[in-house]
């Protein structure tokens, strides 16, 4: 949008969380006005057969998804298609409501086109999310639900939290994501181990047939990331999302020493982990790439490396609501350049 740079200047004068709330509220308000959602969808949605694919029993009109963290409480599920996304992932949701970490806890790094967040799974809890997802049915696009444990839940009882969430939300999601990789819940990343993954997916099999994916951290060594992902898939995971935010603060001059970095600064680190995982698991699981994607060229690189789907969030803050359309148009141009007729040919073309 031509007006977005001016709007961005105004929003950046506000606290990042306040700006986010305004953006989410504006999206919901636009959806509530008769006809506006359709107009926005007409403007932003790229509806082209080469981008379509069927995964998890649902058709994805394009591979561009909105990553978890934007719509933590499933407030805008019916509005997201107006921005041209092919799917959305809500959450992270915890069994009980929690306020998250003290403010300030979200920081912009405009020079690096990055964000730093120490939010700590602030959300309204499972019951509130369930009510909103029920009201949004039938969802106009595939919806994933990202699951996390409550901060107050000790590690030895973490499995109980994930069981509660899977039981409470599986029937309203097209896929679920076990988030073990946020750096903002103490001890959470310690659950990225074989014993916990086997117990978790063994339990999940008795609850639902819905696909469950695991989201991994970018700060693992590639070999460890591959082994962890293989363990998850062997235990029953339908796929892997790589990656979450990074705690490698050396990547960004001026970064704070807490929270997780996202955006352009994460791009190569995220791709390095994704590529290693894709080499091992391509064809055996659905792979979703997220982290530093802000162009059609970068999305295409991830897709050719093995990603069936890609997600964005931070880039949307800096580039504005036209970004999904621009990426999808660039994808189509790149596919035509290479003589690729559809996603089935594009996904894993470099494997």
Protein backbone atom coordinates (compact mmCIF):
# COMPACT_ATOMS: atom_id res chain seq x y z
CA UNK A 1 0.00 0.00 0.00
CA UNK A 2 1.42 3.45 -0.93
CA UNK A 3 0.20 4.88 2.38
CA UNK A 4 1.88 2.21 4.48
CA UNK A 5 5.30 3.94 4.85
CA UNK A 6 3.55 6.99 6.34
CA UNK A 7 1.38 4.81 8.54
CA UNK A 8 4.45 2.85 9.64
CA UNK A 9 6.12 6.08 10.71
CA UNK A 10 3.14 6.86 12.94
CA UNK A 11 2.86 3.34 14.35
CA UNK A 12 6.57 3.25 15.14
CA UNK A 13 6.07 6.25 17.42
CA UNK A 14 3.96 3.98 19.62
CA UNK A 15 4.96 1.06 21.82
CA UNK A 16 5.27 -2.08 19.66
CA UNK A 17 2.55 -3.94 21.54
CA UNK A 18 0.20 -0.98 21.22
CA UNK A 19 0.90 -0.82 17.49
CA UNK A 20 0.24 -4.53 17.18
CA UNK A 21 -3.08 -4.17 18.99
CA UNK A 22 -4.10 -1.35 16.65
CA UNK A 23 -3.24 -3.43 13.60
CA UNK A 24 -5.12 -6.48 14.85
CA UNK A 25 -8.10 -4.32 15.79
CA UNK A 26 -8.14 -2.63 12.38
CA UNK A 27 -8.13 -6.01 10.67
CA UNK A 28 -11.06 -7.22 12.76
CA UNK A 29 -12.94 -3.97 12.17
CA UNK A 30 -12.44 -4.19 8.41
CA UNK A 31 -13.82 -7.71 8.42
CA UNK A 32 -16.89 -6.54 10.36
CA UNK A 33 -17.85 -3.91 7.74
CA UNK A 34 -20.00 -5.54 5.03
CA UNK A 35 -18.12 -5.82 1.76
CA UNK A 36 -14.75 -4.59 3.00
CA UNK A 37 -13.34 -8.06 3.57
CA UNK A 38 -14.27 -9.03 0.03
CA UNK A 39 -12.70 -5.90 -1.43
CA UNK A 40 -9.47 -6.45 0.50
CA UNK A 41 -9.41 -10.12 -0.50
CA UNK A 42 -9.91 -9.19 -4.16
CA UNK A 43 -7.00 -6.76 -3.91
CA UNK A 44 -4.54 -8.93 -1.97
CA UNK A 45 -5.34 -12.56 -2.80
CA UNK A 46 -3.36 -14.19 -5.57
CA UNK A 47 -5.59 -17.01 -6.77
CA UNK A 48 -3.55 -19.06 -9.21
CA UNK A 49 -3.65 -22.78 -9.83
CA UNK A 50 0.15 -23.29 -9.70
CA UNK A 51 0.22 -22.15 -6.06
CA UNK A 52 -2.52 -24.48 -4.86
CA UNK A 53 -1.87 -27.72 -2.98
CA UNK A 54 -3.71 -30.06 -0.63
CA UNK A 55 -2.20 -30.84 2.77
CA UNK A 56 -3.72 -32.15 5.99
CA UNK A 57 -6.95 -32.78 4.06
CA UNK A 58 -7.41 -29.07 3.23
CA UNK A 59 -6.71 -27.04 0.13
CA UNK A 60 -4.15 -24.27 0.58
CA UNK A 61 -4.74 -21.61 -2.10
CA UNK A 62 -1.12 -20.52 -1.73
CA UNK A 63 1.86 -21.53 0.44
CA UNK A 64 2.07 -18.23 2.38
CA UNK A 65 1.02 -18.47 6.01
CA UNK A 66 0.80 -16.09 8.93
CA UNK A 67 3.06 -17.42 11.68
CA UNK A 68 2.04 -17.97 15.29
CA UNK A 69 2.38 -14.92 17.49
CA UNK A 70 0.37 -12.46 15.42
CA UNK A 71 -3.08 -13.75 16.38
CA UNK A 72 -2.40 -15.25 19.78
CA UNK A 73 -6.05 -15.60 20.78
CA UNK A 74 -7.68 -16.51 17.45
CA UNK A 75 -9.36 -13.11 17.23
CA UNK A 76 -8.91 -12.56 13.49
CA UNK A 77 -9.27 -15.99 11.86
CA UNK A 78 -12.04 -14.87 9.53
CA UNK A 79 -10.20 -11.64 8.68
CA UNK A 80 -6.80 -13.10 7.76
CA UNK A 81 -7.82 -14.20 4.22
CA UNK A 82 -8.39 -10.53 3.37
CA UNK A 83 -4.60 -10.08 3.45
CA UNK A 84 -4.07 -12.81 0.88
CA UNK A 85 -2.67 -15.53 3.14
CA UNK A 86 -3.17 -19.19 2.29
CA UNK A 87 -3.34 -20.29 5.93
CA UNK A 88 -2.88 -19.01 9.45
CA UNK A 89 -1.48 -20.35 12.71
CA UNK A 90 -2.98 -19.02 15.94
CA UNK A 91 -1.46 -19.01 19.42
CA UNK A 92 0.72 -19.81 21.20
CA UNK A 93 -2.08 -20.87 23.55
CA UNK A 94 -1.60 -22.31 27.05
CA UNK A 95 -4.16 -24.26 29.11
CA UNK A 96 -4.70 -21.39 31.55
CA UNK A 97 -4.66 -17.66 30.77
CA UNK A 98 -1.39 -15.93 31.59
CA UNK A 99 -0.19 -12.34 31.33
CA UNK A 100 3.28 -13.12 30.01
CA UNK A 101 6.46 -11.39 31.06
CA UNK A 102 6.59 -7.81 32.40
CA UNK A 103 6.67 -4.92 29.92
CA UNK A 104 8.54 -3.70 27.98
CA UNK A 105 8.92 -7.05 26.27
CA UNK A 106 8.74 -6.31 22.53
CA UNK A 107 11.38 -4.26 20.73
CA UNK A 108 11.96 -3.09 17.16
CA UNK A 109 15.30 -3.10 15.36
CA UNK A 110 14.42 -1.22 12.15
CA UNK A 111 17.96 -1.13 10.77
CA UNK A 112 18.03 -4.92 10.88
CA UNK A 113 14.39 -5.30 9.82
CA UNK A 114 14.00 -7.41 12.93
CA UNK A 115 12.06 -7.69 16.17
CA UNK A 116 13.02 -8.93 19.61
CA UNK A 117 10.32 -10.37 21.83
CA UNK A 118 10.20 -11.62 25.39
CA UNK A 119 6.42 -11.89 25.53
CA UNK A 120 6.27 -15.20 27.36
CA UNK A 121 3.14 -16.80 25.87
CA UNK A 122 0.79 -14.00 26.92
CA UNK A 123 -2.68 -15.27 25.96
CA UNK A 124 -6.26 -15.65 27.16
CA UNK A 125 -6.05 -19.42 27.60
CA UNK A 126 -7.52 -22.50 25.99
CA UNK A 127 -11.18 -21.92 26.87
CA UNK A 128 -11.19 -18.46 25.27
CA UNK A 129 -9.46 -19.76 22.16
CA UNK A 130 -11.93 -22.60 21.85
CA UNK A 131 -14.87 -20.19 21.95
CA UNK A 132 -13.36 -18.01 19.25
CA UNK A 133 -12.47 -20.93 16.98
CA UNK A 134 -16.01 -22.25 17.33
CA UNK A 135 -17.41 -18.87 16.31
CA UNK A 136 -15.05 -18.76 13.30
CA UNK A 137 -16.29 -22.06 11.87
CA UNK A 138 -16.30 -22.93 9.10
CA UNK A 139 -12.88 -21.35 8.87
CA UNK A 140 -12.29 -19.72 5.47
CA UNK A 141 -8.72 -21.02 5.30
CA UNK A 142 -6.68 -23.78 6.98
CA UNK A 143 -5.96 -23.04 10.63
CA UNK A 144 -3.10 -24.37 12.75
CA UNK A 145 -3.05 -24.04 16.53
CA UNK A 146 0.28 -23.53 18.30
CA UNK A 147 0.43 -25.12 21.77
CA UNK A 148 2.63 -24.24 24.75
CA UNK A 149 2.83 -25.02 28.44
CA UNK A 150 1.99 -22.55 31.19
CA UNK A 151 4.99 -20.83 32.77
CA UNK A 152 3.94 -22.03 36.23
CA UNK A 153 3.78 -25.67 35.14
CA UNK A 154 6.92 -27.50 36.29
CA UNK A 155 8.83 -29.49 33.64
CA UNK A 156 7.78 -32.82 35.12
CA UNK A 157 4.14 -31.89 34.49
CA UNK A 158 4.59 -30.30 31.07
CA UNK A 159 3.13 -33.36 29.37
CA UNK A 160 -0.14 -32.73 31.22
CA UNK A 161 -0.41 -29.25 29.72
CA UNK A 162 0.09 -30.50 26.17
CA UNK A 163 -2.40 -33.32 26.73
CA UNK A 164 -4.98 -30.80 27.96
CA UNK A 165 -4.46 -28.62 24.89
CA UNK A 166 -4.58 -31.47 22.39
CA UNK A 167 -7.79 -32.83 23.93
CA UNK A 168 -9.33 -29.37 24.14
CA UNK A 169 -8.55 -28.03 20.67
CA UNK A 170 -7.83 -30.83 18.21
CA UNK A 171 -11.34 -30.87 16.77
CA UNK A 172 -11.14 -27.18 15.81
CA UNK A 173 -7.75 -27.23 14.10
CA UNK A 174 -6.52 -28.44 10.73
CA UNK A 175 -3.17 -29.11 12.38
CA UNK A 176 -1.58 -28.65 15.80
CA UNK A 177 1.94 -27.47 16.62
CA UNK A 178 3.84 -28.48 19.73
CA UNK A 179 5.94 -25.45 20.62
CA UNK A 180 9.02 -26.57 22.57
CA UNK A 181 11.31 -23.88 21.21
CA UNK A 182 10.25 -20.48 22.52
CA UNK A 183 13.12 -18.92 24.50
CA UNK A 184 10.72 -16.97 26.73
CA UNK A 185 9.33 -19.74 28.94
CA UNK A 186 11.99 -20.99 31.37
CA UNK A 187 12.91 -24.63 30.78
CA UNK A 188 10.76 -25.02 27.66
CA UNK A 189 13.65 -25.72 25.29
CA UNK A 190 14.85 -28.45 27.65
CA UNK A 191 11.81 -30.45 26.49
CA UNK A 192 13.42 -30.81 23.06
CA UNK A 193 14.57 -34.35 23.87
CA UNK A 194 13.78 -37.90 22.84
CA UNK A 195 12.08 -38.98 26.04
CA UNK A 196 9.60 -36.11 26.07
CA UNK A 197 8.83 -36.29 22.33
CA UNK A 198 8.16 -40.02 22.43
CA UNK A 199 5.90 -39.65 25.46
CA UNK A 200 4.06 -36.74 23.90
CA UNK A 201 3.38 -38.27 20.51
CA UNK A 202 2.57 -41.62 22.05
CA UNK A 203 -0.08 -39.87 24.12
CA UNK A 204 -1.37 -37.83 21.19
CA UNK A 205 -2.01 -40.92 19.07
CA UNK A 206 -4.64 -42.01 21.58
CA UNK A 207 -6.41 -38.64 21.42
CA UNK A 208 -6.58 -37.52 17.81
CA UNK A 209 -5.79 -38.36 14.22
CA UNK A 210 -5.19 -34.68 13.43
CA UNK A 211 -1.67 -33.93 12.19
CA UNK A 212 0.65 -32.64 14.91
CA UNK A 213 3.90 -30.87 14.06
CA UNK A 214 6.83 -29.86 16.24
CA UNK A 215 8.44 -26.43 16.08
CA UNK A 216 12.19 -26.39 16.68
CA UNK A 217 14.72 -23.75 17.69
CA UNK A 218 17.32 -22.28 15.33
CA UNK A 219 20.00 -22.42 18.02
CA UNK A 220 20.46 -26.19 17.84
CA UNK A 221 23.43 -27.54 15.95
CA UNK A 222 22.23 -28.82 12.56
CA UNK A 223 22.97 -32.41 13.49
CA UNK A 224 21.03 -32.10 16.73
CA UNK A 225 18.13 -30.44 14.91
CA UNK A 226 18.03 -33.29 12.40
CA UNK A 227 18.13 -35.95 15.11
CA UNK A 228 15.42 -34.22 17.12
CA UNK A 229 13.22 -33.89 14.05
CA UNK A 230 13.76 -37.52 13.09
CA UNK A 231 12.84 -38.64 16.60
CA UNK A 232 9.65 -36.57 16.45
CA UNK A 233 8.62 -37.96 13.06
CA UNK A 234 9.42 -41.53 14.10
CA UNK A 235 7.29 -40.96 17.20
CA UNK A 236 4.35 -39.77 15.13
CA UNK A 237 4.84 -36.12 14.20
CA UNK A 238 3.29 -35.23 10.85
CA UNK A 239 5.86 -32.55 10.21
CA UNK A 240 8.41 -30.02 11.42
CA UNK A 241 8.34 -26.23 11.55
CA UNK A 242 11.80 -24.68 11.40
CA UNK A 243 12.43 -22.35 13.06
CA UNK A 244 11.42 -20.32 16.09
CA UNK A 245 13.27 -17.15 17.20
CA UNK A 246 16.96 -17.11 18.07
CA UNK A 247 18.85 -16.21 21.23
CA UNK A 248 22.06 -15.63 19.28
CA UNK A 249 22.32 -11.93 20.13
CA UNK A 250 25.64 -11.63 18.35
CA UNK A 251 23.66 -11.51 15.09
CA UNK A 252 22.38 -8.01 15.80
CA UNK A 253 24.38 -5.07 17.13
CA UNK A 254 22.47 -3.42 19.93
CA UNK A 255 20.32 -6.44 20.70
CA UNK A 256 19.17 -6.91 24.26
CA UNK A 257 20.36 -9.95 26.16
CA UNK A 258 16.95 -11.57 26.60
CA UNK A 259 14.06 -12.68 24.44
CA UNK A 260 14.15 -14.00 20.89
CA UNK A 261 15.19 -12.32 17.66
CA UNK A 262 13.11 -12.64 14.50
CA UNK A 263 13.14 -11.11 11.06
CA UNK A 264 15.91 -10.58 8.52
CA UNK A 265 18.68 -11.13 11.08
CA UNK A 266 17.46 -14.73 11.49
CA UNK A 267 17.33 -15.55 7.78
CA UNK A 268 20.52 -17.53 7.21
CA UNK A 269 20.53 -19.21 10.60
CA UNK A 270 16.96 -20.38 10.05
CA UNK A 271 17.67 -21.57 6.52
CA UNK A 272 20.74 -23.49 7.65
CA UNK A 273 18.66 -25.49 10.14
CA UNK A 274 15.76 -25.94 7.75
CA UNK A 275 18.00 -27.17 4.95
CA UNK A 276 19.63 -29.76 7.22
CA UNK A 277 16.25 -31.03 8.40
CA UNK A 278 14.89 -31.10 4.85
CA UNK A 279 17.82 -33.21 3.62
CA UNK A 280 16.91 -35.83 6.20
CA UNK A 281 13.12 -35.67 6.20
CA UNK A 282 11.96 -34.49 2.79
CA UNK A 283 9.28 -36.89 1.57
CA UNK A 284 8.72 -38.30 5.05
CA UNK A 285 6.99 -35.35 6.67
CA UNK A 286 5.42 -31.98 5.89
CA UNK A 287 8.04 -29.26 6.31
CA UNK A 288 7.23 -25.63 7.03
CA UNK A 289 9.91 -22.95 6.92
CA UNK A 290 9.76 -19.69 8.88
CA UNK A 291 12.39 -17.15 9.85
CA UNK A 292 13.60 -14.14 7.88
CA UNK A 293 11.37 -14.65 4.84
CA UNK A 294 10.51 -11.29 3.27
CA UNK A 295 10.50 -11.84 -0.50
CA UNK A 296 9.38 -14.24 -3.19
CA UNK A 297 13.00 -15.18 -3.83
CA UNK A 298 13.52 -16.24 -0.22
CA UNK A 299 10.22 -18.10 -0.08
CA UNK A 300 11.15 -19.88 -3.31
CA UNK A 301 14.53 -20.86 -1.87
CA UNK A 302 12.80 -22.47 1.11
CA UNK A 303 10.24 -24.21 -1.11
CA UNK A 304 12.89 -25.61 -3.44
CA UNK A 305 14.79 -26.79 -0.35
CA UNK A 306 11.76 -28.83 0.72
CA UNK A 307 9.20 -26.54 2.35
CA UNK A 308 5.60 -27.26 1.38
CA UNK A 309 4.58 -24.10 3.23
CA UNK A 310 6.30 -20.95 4.45
CA UNK A 311 5.32 -18.46 7.15
CA UNK A 312 5.95 -14.78 7.81
CA UNK A 313 5.33 -12.36 10.66
CA UNK A 314 8.11 -9.84 11.32
CA UNK A 315 8.45 -8.92 7.64
CA UNK A 316 4.75 -8.06 7.61
CA UNK A 317 5.41 -5.40 10.26
CA UNK A 318 8.02 -3.68 8.10
CA UNK A 319 6.61 -4.30 4.62
CA UNK A 320 2.89 -3.92 5.27
CA UNK A 321 -0.25 -5.81 4.24
CA UNK A 322 0.74 -6.02 0.59
CA UNK A 323 3.58 -8.41 1.35
CA UNK A 324 1.73 -11.75 0.92
CA UNK A 325 0.49 -10.67 -2.50
CA UNK A 326 3.94 -9.49 -3.56
CA UNK A 327 5.58 -12.74 -2.44
CA UNK A 328 2.96 -14.86 -4.21
CA UNK A 329 3.33 -12.86 -7.42
CA UNK A 330 7.10 -13.20 -7.24
CA UNK A 331 6.74 -16.94 -6.66
CA UNK A 332 4.62 -17.29 -9.78
CA UNK A 333 7.17 -15.35 -11.81
CA UNK A 334 10.05 -17.49 -10.54
CA UNK A 335 8.15 -20.71 -11.19
CA UNK A 336 7.34 -19.58 -14.75
CA UNK A 337 10.99 -18.64 -15.29
CA UNK A 338 12.07 -22.13 -14.29
CA UNK A 339 9.32 -23.92 -16.16
CA UNK A 340 7.79 -25.17 -12.91
CA UNK A 341 4.10 -25.84 -13.41
CA UNK A 342 2.98 -26.17 -9.80
CA UNK A 343 3.89 -26.59 -6.16
CA UNK A 344 4.24 -30.35 -6.58
CA UNK A 345 7.23 -29.67 -8.86
CA UNK A 346 8.61 -26.75 -6.87
CA UNK A 347 8.67 -28.33 -3.41
CA UNK A 348 12.03 -30.01 -2.93
CA UNK A 349 13.27 -29.23 -6.46
CA UNK A 350 16.78 -28.74 -5.08
CA UNK A 351 16.79 -31.93 -3.03
